[in-house]
Structures are given as C-alpha cells and as structure tokens.
Amino acid sequence: MSAEARLKQLGIELGPVSAPVANYVNAVQAGNLLFLAGKGPRAENGKRPHGKVGREYTAEQAYQHARTVGLDLLAVMKAELGSLDRVKRVVKLLGMVNAVPEFQDHPRVINGCSDLFVEVFGAAGKHARSAVGMGSLPMGIPVEIEVIVEVK
C-alpha cells in the first residue's frame, strides 16, 4: 500500500507546512536525499508547548509531542516532493528531548515520531536514529526532530 493510501486509511490529514523561524529552509534535496530541518511540536490551543520532559511533561505527553512533530515533517516531505509516495525510505532521524538531567527515557519519547513513520511508510519507515537529551531547545520546546529521507 502506498504512503498516501496509508495516510487516508489512518485518517491522517496533514496540516500546512510551518514556516522556518530563522534564516534557513524547511528542506534541502541533495541527489536522492532530502534533508529536513528540525521541527518542534505543533501549537496546542494556539500555544506552542514549552517546558521540560520530566518536569512539565511526562514521557507519554512528550511521545505525543514527537508524533505531532512527525506530522509536520510528513507535511514538509509532501510539500517538497509533491507526494509521500516519492519517499523511498526514511534513512535517519535525530530526536532531541529537552529534559531534566535525571530523565533517561529519550528513546521512548522519540518513538512518537518513529512509530508514525512506520505506520505511514511500512518497512520503508524504519530508520537509523539517535534520541538524545538536551539542556534546552529553541523557545523552550520539549522536542525537536530532524530527518533524512531517500527519494525515488
């Protein structure tokens, strides 16, 4: 099943692509690789999430934030490529978690995005990954994720 068909089957509608917040672009294609800039969670009730995992957010809440980041990244892929069916595979994901020093469950948080990519792309959504903790992230967001995909 194609990625676009899976999106429909899952009942997922991608929102508009969010604009970069500084002097960069959302994606750059080099050969058959598409490099996506880091994205943070979507706004909830008009307000962007702000805080640390392990203090303001539980791992479960941060998992959901990572999933919304994945939705934004999918929207960027679609905007850049015209269709998610042009994604051959997800190659690499870097997940950054703004967490208290004693938090140790970063991989579980970033699974929010990883699980989404496998739901949408199937086996082609499985990827190499790093899930790391950060002392802070821009605008105090709890999660930021960047991704590299191979294009057909």
N, C-alpha and C. Protein backbone atom coordinates (compact mmCIF):
# COMPACT_ATOMS: atom_id res chain seq x y z
N MET A 1 0.85 -1.18 0.00
CA MET A 1 0.00 0.00 0.00
C MET A 1 0.89 1.24 0.00
N SER A 2 0.50 2.24 -0.77
CA SER A 2 1.28 3.47 -0.86
C SER A 2 1.16 4.29 0.43
N ALA A 3 2.13 5.16 0.63
CA ALA A 3 2.11 6.03 1.82
C ALA A 3 0.89 6.94 1.81
N GLU A 4 0.52 7.46 0.65
CA GLU A 4 -0.65 8.33 0.56
C GLU A 4 -1.92 7.56 0.92
N ALA A 5 -2.02 6.30 0.47
CA ALA A 5 -3.18 5.47 0.80
C ALA A 5 -3.21 5.15 2.30
N ARG A 6 -2.03 4.91 2.89
CA ARG A 6 -1.97 4.64 4.33
C ARG A 6 -2.44 5.86 5.13
N LEU A 7 -2.03 7.04 4.70
CA LEU A 7 -2.48 8.27 5.38
C LEU A 7 -4.00 8.31 5.42
N LYS A 8 -4.62 8.05 4.29
CA LYS A 8 -6.09 8.08 4.22
C LYS A 8 -6.68 6.99 5.10
N GLN A 9 -6.10 5.79 5.06
CA GLN A 9 -6.59 4.68 5.86
C GLN A 9 -6.50 4.99 7.36
N LEU A 10 -5.44 5.68 7.75
CA LEU A 10 -5.23 6.05 9.15
C LEU A 10 -6.06 7.27 9.56
N GLY A 11 -6.68 7.92 8.59
CA GLY A 11 -7.47 9.11 8.88
C GLY A 11 -6.63 10.32 9.22
N ILE A 12 -5.42 10.36 8.68
CA ILE A 12 -4.50 11.46 8.97
C ILE A 12 -4.57 12.50 7.87
N GLU A 13 -4.85 13.74 8.24
CA GLU A 13 -4.80 14.86 7.32
C GLU A 13 -3.64 15.75 7.75
N LEU A 14 -2.75 16.01 6.82
CA LEU A 14 -1.58 16.83 7.14
C LEU A 14 -1.96 18.30 7.08
N GLY A 15 -1.49 19.04 8.04
CA GLY A 15 -1.75 20.48 8.08
C GLY A 15 -0.79 21.21 7.16
N PRO A 16 -0.91 22.53 7.13
CA PRO A 16 0.01 23.32 6.32
C PRO A 16 1.42 23.25 6.89
N VAL A 17 2.38 23.44 6.02
CA VAL A 17 3.79 23.42 6.44
C VAL A 17 4.07 24.67 7.25
N SER A 18 4.69 24.48 8.41
CA SER A 18 5.05 25.64 9.22
C SER A 18 6.30 26.31 8.63
N ALA A 19 6.33 27.61 8.73
CA ALA A 19 7.45 28.39 8.19
C ALA A 19 8.66 28.27 9.11
N PRO A 20 9.87 28.32 8.54
CA PRO A 20 11.07 28.35 9.37
C PRO A 20 11.04 29.57 10.29
N VAL A 21 11.62 29.41 11.48
CA VAL A 21 11.61 30.51 12.45
C VAL A 21 12.89 31.34 12.42
N ALA A 22 13.81 31.02 11.50
CA ALA A 22 15.06 31.78 11.41
C ALA A 22 15.54 31.73 9.95
N ASN A 23 16.81 31.95 9.73
CA ASN A 23 17.39 32.03 8.39
C ASN A 23 17.80 30.65 7.89
N TYR A 24 16.80 29.84 7.51
CA TYR A 24 17.02 28.52 6.93
C TYR A 24 15.78 28.12 6.16
N VAL A 25 15.84 26.99 5.48
CA VAL A 25 14.69 26.48 4.73
C VAL A 25 14.24 25.17 5.36
N ASN A 26 13.02 24.76 5.07
CA ASN A 26 12.47 23.53 5.66
C ASN A 26 13.15 22.27 5.16
N ALA A 27 13.66 22.30 3.93
CA ALA A 27 14.28 21.09 3.37
C ALA A 27 15.25 21.45 2.26
N VAL A 28 16.24 20.60 2.09
CA VAL A 28 17.20 20.72 1.01
C VAL A 28 17.39 19.33 0.41
N GLN A 29 17.26 19.24 -0.92
CA GLN A 29 17.50 17.96 -1.58
C GLN A 29 18.90 17.99 -2.18
N ALA A 30 19.66 16.93 -1.91
CA ALA A 30 20.99 16.75 -2.48
C ALA A 30 21.00 15.35 -3.09
N GLY A 31 21.00 15.30 -4.41
CA GLY A 31 20.91 14.00 -5.07
C GLY A 31 19.58 13.34 -4.74
N ASN A 32 19.66 12.10 -4.26
CA ASN A 32 18.42 11.39 -3.92
C ASN A 32 18.11 11.44 -2.43
N LEU A 33 18.75 12.36 -1.71
CA LEU A 33 18.47 12.53 -0.29
C LEU A 33 17.80 13.87 -0.03
N LEU A 34 16.78 13.84 0.82
CA LEU A 34 16.08 15.05 1.24
C LEU A 34 16.36 15.25 2.72
N PHE A 35 17.00 16.36 3.06
CA PHE A 35 17.35 16.69 4.44
C PHE A 35 16.32 17.67 4.97
N LEU A 36 15.61 17.28 6.02
CA LEU A 36 14.59 18.15 6.60
C LEU A 36 15.12 18.83 7.84
N ALA A 37 14.88 20.13 7.93
CA ALA A 37 15.29 20.91 9.10
C ALA A 37 14.52 20.42 10.33
N GLY A 38 15.09 20.65 11.49
CA GLY A 38 14.42 20.28 12.73
C GLY A 38 13.11 21.03 12.91
N LYS A 39 12.12 20.31 13.42
CA LYS A 39 10.80 20.88 13.70
C LYS A 39 10.45 20.60 15.15
N GLY A 40 9.64 21.48 15.72
CA GLY A 40 9.14 21.30 17.07
C GLY A 40 7.66 20.94 17.03
N PRO A 41 7.07 20.70 18.19
CA PRO A 41 5.66 20.32 18.26
C PRO A 41 4.73 21.41 17.74
N ARG A 42 3.60 20.96 17.23
CA ARG A 42 2.56 21.89 16.78
C ARG A 42 1.95 22.58 17.99
N ALA A 43 1.41 23.75 17.73
CA ALA A 43 0.75 24.51 18.79
C ALA A 43 -0.51 23.78 19.25
N GLU A 44 -0.77 23.86 20.54
CA GLU A 44 -1.99 23.31 21.14
C GLU A 44 -2.82 24.50 21.62
N ASN A 45 -4.05 24.60 21.14
CA ASN A 45 -4.91 25.72 21.53
C ASN A 45 -4.24 27.06 21.26
N GLY A 46 -3.51 27.14 20.14
CA GLY A 46 -2.86 28.38 19.76
C GLY A 46 -1.57 28.67 20.48
N LYS A 47 -1.12 27.75 21.34
CA LYS A 47 0.10 27.98 22.11
C LYS A 47 1.07 26.82 21.90
N ARG A 48 2.32 27.15 21.55
CA ARG A 48 3.34 26.13 21.34
C ARG A 48 3.75 25.55 22.70
N PRO A 49 3.88 24.20 22.79
CA PRO A 49 4.32 23.60 24.05
C PRO A 49 5.67 24.16 24.50
N HIS A 50 5.80 24.35 25.80
CA HIS A 50 7.00 24.96 26.38
C HIS A 50 7.28 24.26 27.70
N GLY A 51 8.47 23.67 27.83
CA GLY A 51 8.82 23.04 29.09
C GLY A 51 9.68 21.81 28.92
N LYS A 52 10.09 21.27 30.04
CA LYS A 52 10.99 20.12 30.05
C LYS A 52 10.25 18.82 30.31
N VAL A 53 10.71 17.79 29.62
CA VAL A 53 10.20 16.45 29.87
C VAL A 53 10.78 15.99 31.21
N GLY A 54 9.92 15.45 32.03
CA GLY A 54 10.33 15.07 33.38
C GLY A 54 9.97 16.12 34.41
N ARG A 55 9.51 17.27 33.96
CA ARG A 55 9.04 18.32 34.86
C ARG A 55 7.65 18.77 34.41
N GLU A 56 7.55 19.51 33.29
CA GLU A 56 6.23 19.95 32.80
C GLU A 56 5.51 18.87 32.01
N TYR A 57 6.26 17.94 31.42
CA TYR A 57 5.65 16.90 30.58
C TYR A 57 6.13 15.51 30.99
N THR A 58 5.22 14.56 30.94
CA THR A 58 5.58 13.15 31.16
C THR A 58 6.15 12.59 29.85
N ALA A 59 6.74 11.43 29.93
CA ALA A 59 7.24 10.76 28.72
C ALA A 59 6.09 10.50 27.75
N GLU A 60 4.91 10.16 28.27
CA GLU A 60 3.76 9.89 27.41
C GLU A 60 3.31 11.16 26.68
N GLN A 61 3.28 12.28 27.38
CA GLN A 61 2.90 13.54 26.75
C GLN A 61 3.95 13.94 25.70
N ALA A 62 5.21 13.74 26.02
CA ALA A 62 6.29 14.07 25.08
C ALA A 62 6.24 13.16 23.86
N TYR A 63 5.82 11.90 24.03
CA TYR A 63 5.63 10.99 22.91
C TYR A 63 4.62 11.60 21.94
N GLN A 64 3.53 12.14 22.46
CA GLN A 64 2.51 12.76 21.61
C GLN A 64 3.06 14.00 20.93
N HIS A 65 3.89 14.77 21.63
CA HIS A 65 4.53 15.93 21.00
C HIS A 65 5.41 15.46 19.84
N ALA A 66 6.17 14.39 20.05
CA ALA A 66 7.03 13.87 18.98
C ALA A 66 6.20 13.40 17.79
N ARG A 67 5.02 12.86 18.07
CA ARG A 67 4.14 12.45 16.97
C ARG A 67 3.68 13.67 16.16
N THR A 68 3.34 14.77 16.84
CA THR A 68 2.94 15.96 16.10
C THR A 68 4.10 16.52 15.28
N VAL A 69 5.31 16.39 15.80
CA VAL A 69 6.48 16.80 15.02
C VAL A 69 6.56 15.94 13.75
N GLY A 70 6.33 14.64 13.90
CA GLY A 70 6.33 13.74 12.75
C GLY A 70 5.31 14.15 11.71
N LEU A 71 4.14 14.59 12.15
CA LEU A 71 3.11 15.05 11.22
C LEU A 71 3.60 16.27 10.44
N ASP A 72 4.27 17.19 11.14
CA ASP A 72 4.83 18.37 10.48
C ASP A 72 5.91 17.95 9.47
N LEU A 73 6.75 17.00 9.85
CA LEU A 73 7.80 16.54 8.94
C LEU A 73 7.20 15.87 7.70
N LEU A 74 6.12 15.10 7.89
CA LEU A 74 5.43 14.50 6.75
C LEU A 74 4.88 15.57 5.82
N ALA A 75 4.33 16.64 6.40
CA ALA A 75 3.80 17.75 5.60
C ALA A 75 4.92 18.40 4.78
N VAL A 76 6.10 18.55 5.37
CA VAL A 76 7.24 19.12 4.65
C VAL A 76 7.63 18.19 3.50
N MET A 77 7.72 16.88 3.78
CA MET A 77 8.07 15.92 2.72
C MET A 77 7.10 16.03 1.56
N LYS A 78 5.82 16.06 1.87
CA LYS A 78 4.79 16.12 0.82
C LYS A 78 4.90 17.43 0.04
N ALA A 79 5.11 18.54 0.73
CA ALA A 79 5.23 19.83 0.06
C ALA A 79 6.45 19.86 -0.86
N GLU A 80 7.54 19.29 -0.42
CA GLU A 80 8.79 19.30 -1.20
C GLU A 80 8.73 18.34 -2.38
N LEU A 81 8.10 17.18 -2.19
CA LEU A 81 8.14 16.11 -3.19
C LEU A 81 6.86 16.00 -4.02
N GLY A 82 5.78 16.63 -3.57
CA GLY A 82 4.51 16.52 -4.27
C GLY A 82 3.66 15.36 -3.81
N SER A 83 4.30 14.31 -3.32
CA SER A 83 3.60 13.12 -2.82
C SER A 83 4.51 12.36 -1.89
N LEU A 84 3.94 11.82 -0.83
CA LEU A 84 4.73 10.97 0.07
C LEU A 84 5.12 9.66 -0.61
N ASP A 85 4.48 9.32 -1.71
CA ASP A 85 4.83 8.11 -2.44
C ASP A 85 6.20 8.22 -3.10
N ARG A 86 6.78 9.42 -3.14
CA ARG A 86 8.14 9.59 -3.67
C ARG A 86 9.21 9.29 -2.63
N VAL A 87 8.81 9.05 -1.38
CA VAL A 87 9.78 8.69 -0.34
C VAL A 87 10.11 7.21 -0.50
N LYS A 88 11.37 6.93 -0.79
CA LYS A 88 11.81 5.53 -0.94
C LYS A 88 11.97 4.89 0.43
N ARG A 89 12.58 5.66 1.34
CA ARG A 89 12.71 5.19 2.72
C ARG A 89 13.15 6.32 3.62
N VAL A 90 12.82 6.18 4.89
CA VAL A 90 13.33 7.11 5.91
C VAL A 90 14.70 6.57 6.29
N VAL A 91 15.72 7.41 6.16
CA VAL A 91 17.10 6.96 6.37
C VAL A 91 17.55 7.18 7.81
N LYS A 92 17.41 8.41 8.30
CA LYS A 92 17.98 8.76 9.61
C LYS A 92 17.10 9.79 10.28
N LEU A 93 16.94 9.63 11.57
CA LEU A 93 16.17 10.56 12.38
C LEU A 93 17.01 10.96 13.58
N LEU A 94 17.04 12.24 13.87
CA LEU A 94 17.69 12.75 15.09
C LEU A 94 16.61 13.39 15.94
N GLY A 95 16.38 12.82 17.12
CA GLY A 95 15.39 13.33 18.04
C GLY A 95 16.06 13.94 19.25
N MET A 96 15.71 15.17 19.55
CA MET A 96 16.27 15.89 20.69
C MET A 96 15.17 16.17 21.70
N VAL A 97 15.44 15.82 22.95
CA VAL A 97 14.45 15.95 24.01
C VAL A 97 14.96 16.95 25.04
N ASN A 98 14.20 18.00 25.27
CA ASN A 98 14.50 19.00 26.29
C ASN A 98 14.04 18.41 27.62
N ALA A 99 14.96 17.84 28.36
CA ALA A 99 14.59 17.07 29.56
C ALA A 99 15.40 17.50 30.78
N VAL A 100 14.83 17.17 31.93
CA VAL A 100 15.57 17.38 33.18
C VAL A 100 16.77 16.42 33.17
N PRO A 101 17.85 16.76 33.88
CA PRO A 101 19.06 15.94 33.81
C PRO A 101 18.85 14.46 34.17
N GLU A 102 17.93 14.18 35.08
CA GLU A 102 17.76 12.78 35.51
C GLU A 102 16.85 11.96 34.59
N PHE A 103 16.24 12.59 33.57
CA PHE A 103 15.38 11.86 32.63
C PHE A 103 16.23 10.93 31.78
N GLN A 104 15.76 9.69 31.59
CA GLN A 104 16.57 8.71 30.85
C GLN A 104 15.79 7.97 29.76
N ASP A 105 14.58 8.40 29.47
CA ASP A 105 13.74 7.64 28.55
C ASP A 105 13.56 8.34 27.20
N HIS A 106 14.63 8.95 26.70
CA HIS A 106 14.58 9.69 25.45
C HIS A 106 14.09 8.84 24.27
N PRO A 107 14.56 7.59 24.14
CA PRO A 107 14.08 6.78 23.01
C PRO A 107 12.56 6.59 23.01
N ARG A 108 11.97 6.42 24.17
CA ARG A 108 10.52 6.25 24.27
C ARG A 108 9.79 7.49 23.77
N VAL A 109 10.31 8.66 24.06
CA VAL A 109 9.71 9.91 23.60
C VAL A 109 9.77 9.98 22.07
N ILE A 110 10.92 9.74 21.49
CA ILE A 110 11.12 9.89 20.05
C ILE A 110 10.38 8.80 19.28
N ASN A 111 10.00 7.72 19.95
CA ASN A 111 9.17 6.70 19.30
C ASN A 111 7.86 7.30 18.78
N GLY A 112 7.42 8.42 19.34
CA GLY A 112 6.21 9.07 18.84
C GLY A 112 6.32 9.38 17.36
N CYS A 113 7.48 9.84 16.93
CA CYS A 113 7.72 10.12 15.51
C CYS A 113 8.05 8.84 14.76
N SER A 114 8.92 8.02 15.32
CA SER A 114 9.33 6.78 14.66
C SER A 114 8.14 5.87 14.39
N ASP A 115 7.27 5.72 15.38
CA ASP A 115 6.08 4.87 15.20
C ASP A 115 5.20 5.39 14.08
N LEU A 116 5.02 6.71 14.01
CA LEU A 116 4.22 7.32 12.96
C LEU A 116 4.81 7.02 11.59
N PHE A 117 6.12 7.16 11.44
CA PHE A 117 6.76 6.91 10.14
C PHE A 117 6.57 5.45 9.71
N VAL A 118 6.64 4.51 10.64
CA VAL A 118 6.41 3.10 10.30
C VAL A 118 4.94 2.88 9.94
N GLU A 119 4.02 3.54 10.63
CA GLU A 119 2.60 3.44 10.28
C GLU A 119 2.35 3.92 8.85
N VAL A 120 3.01 5.00 8.46
CA VAL A 120 2.76 5.61 7.14
C VAL A 120 3.55 4.93 6.03
N PHE A 121 4.82 4.60 6.28
CA PHE A 121 5.68 4.07 5.22
C PHE A 121 5.91 2.56 5.31
N GLY A 122 5.40 1.92 6.34
CA GLY A 122 5.65 0.49 6.50
C GLY A 122 7.12 0.24 6.75
N ALA A 123 7.67 -0.83 6.19
CA ALA A 123 9.07 -1.18 6.41
C ALA A 123 10.02 -0.07 5.95
N ALA A 124 9.62 0.70 4.95
CA ALA A 124 10.45 1.82 4.47
C ALA A 124 10.52 2.95 5.49
N GLY A 125 9.69 2.91 6.51
CA GLY A 125 9.71 3.93 7.56
C GLY A 125 10.69 3.62 8.68
N LYS A 126 11.21 2.39 8.72
CA LYS A 126 12.21 2.03 9.74
C LYS A 126 13.52 2.73 9.39
N HIS A 127 14.18 3.26 10.38
CA HIS A 127 15.31 4.14 10.12
C HIS A 127 16.39 4.00 11.19
N ALA A 128 17.57 4.48 10.85
CA ALA A 128 18.62 4.67 11.86
C ALA A 128 18.21 5.89 12.67
N ARG A 129 18.63 5.93 13.96
CA ARG A 129 18.13 7.01 14.79
C ARG A 129 19.05 7.30 15.96
N SER A 130 19.03 8.55 16.37
CA SER A 130 19.62 8.98 17.63
C SER A 130 18.53 9.69 18.41
N ALA A 131 18.43 9.39 19.70
CA ALA A 131 17.48 10.05 20.59
C ALA A 131 18.29 10.56 21.78
N VAL A 132 18.43 11.87 21.87
CA VAL A 132 19.33 12.44 22.85
C VAL A 132 18.64 13.51 23.70
N GLY A 133 19.19 13.72 24.88
CA GLY A 133 18.69 14.75 25.77
C GLY A 133 19.45 16.05 25.58
N MET A 134 18.75 17.16 25.76
CA MET A 134 19.32 18.48 25.62
C MET A 134 19.02 19.30 26.88
N GLY A 135 19.92 20.20 27.20
CA GLY A 135 19.69 21.09 28.33
C GLY A 135 18.63 22.13 28.03
N SER A 136 18.46 22.46 26.74
CA SER A 136 17.41 23.38 26.31
C SER A 136 17.21 23.20 24.82
N LEU A 137 16.09 23.71 24.33
CA LEU A 137 15.79 23.73 22.90
C LEU A 137 15.19 25.10 22.59
N PRO A 138 15.19 25.51 21.31
CA PRO A 138 14.66 26.83 20.96
C PRO A 138 13.24 27.05 21.48
N MET A 139 13.00 28.22 21.99
CA MET A 139 11.68 28.63 22.50
C MET A 139 11.18 27.71 23.62
N GLY A 140 12.07 26.94 24.22
CA GLY A 140 11.68 26.07 25.32
C GLY A 140 10.86 24.86 24.92
N ILE A 141 10.83 24.53 23.62
CA ILE A 141 10.02 23.39 23.18
C ILE A 141 10.54 22.10 23.80
N PRO A 142 9.66 21.12 24.05
CA PRO A 142 10.11 19.88 24.69
C PRO A 142 10.79 18.90 23.76
N VAL A 143 10.54 19.00 22.44
CA VAL A 143 11.07 18.03 21.49
C VAL A 143 11.38 18.73 20.18
N GLU A 144 12.50 18.35 19.54
CA GLU A 144 12.81 18.78 18.18
C GLU A 144 13.33 17.57 17.44
N ILE A 145 12.89 17.42 16.18
CA ILE A 145 13.29 16.26 15.39
C ILE A 145 13.65 16.71 13.98
N GLU A 146 14.75 16.15 13.48
CA GLU A 146 15.12 16.34 12.07
C GLU A 146 15.22 14.96 11.43
N VAL A 147 15.12 14.93 10.10
CA VAL A 147 15.09 13.63 9.42
C VAL A 147 15.74 13.73 8.04
N ILE A 148 16.27 12.61 7.58
CA ILE A 148 16.80 12.48 6.22
C ILE A 148 16.02 11.34 5.56
N VAL A 149 15.51 11.61 4.35
CA VAL A 149 14.80 10.58 3.61
C VAL A 149 15.45 10.39 2.24
N GLU A 150 15.34 9.15 1.75
CA GLU A 150 15.78 8.83 0.38
C GLU A 150 14.57 8.98 -0.53
N VAL A 151 14.80 9.62 -1.68
CA VAL A 151 13.74 9.93 -2.63
C VAL A 151 13.83 8.99 -3.83
N LYS A 152 12.65 8.56 -4.30
CA LYS A 152 12.59 7.72 -5.52
C LYS A 152 12.85 8.57 -6.73
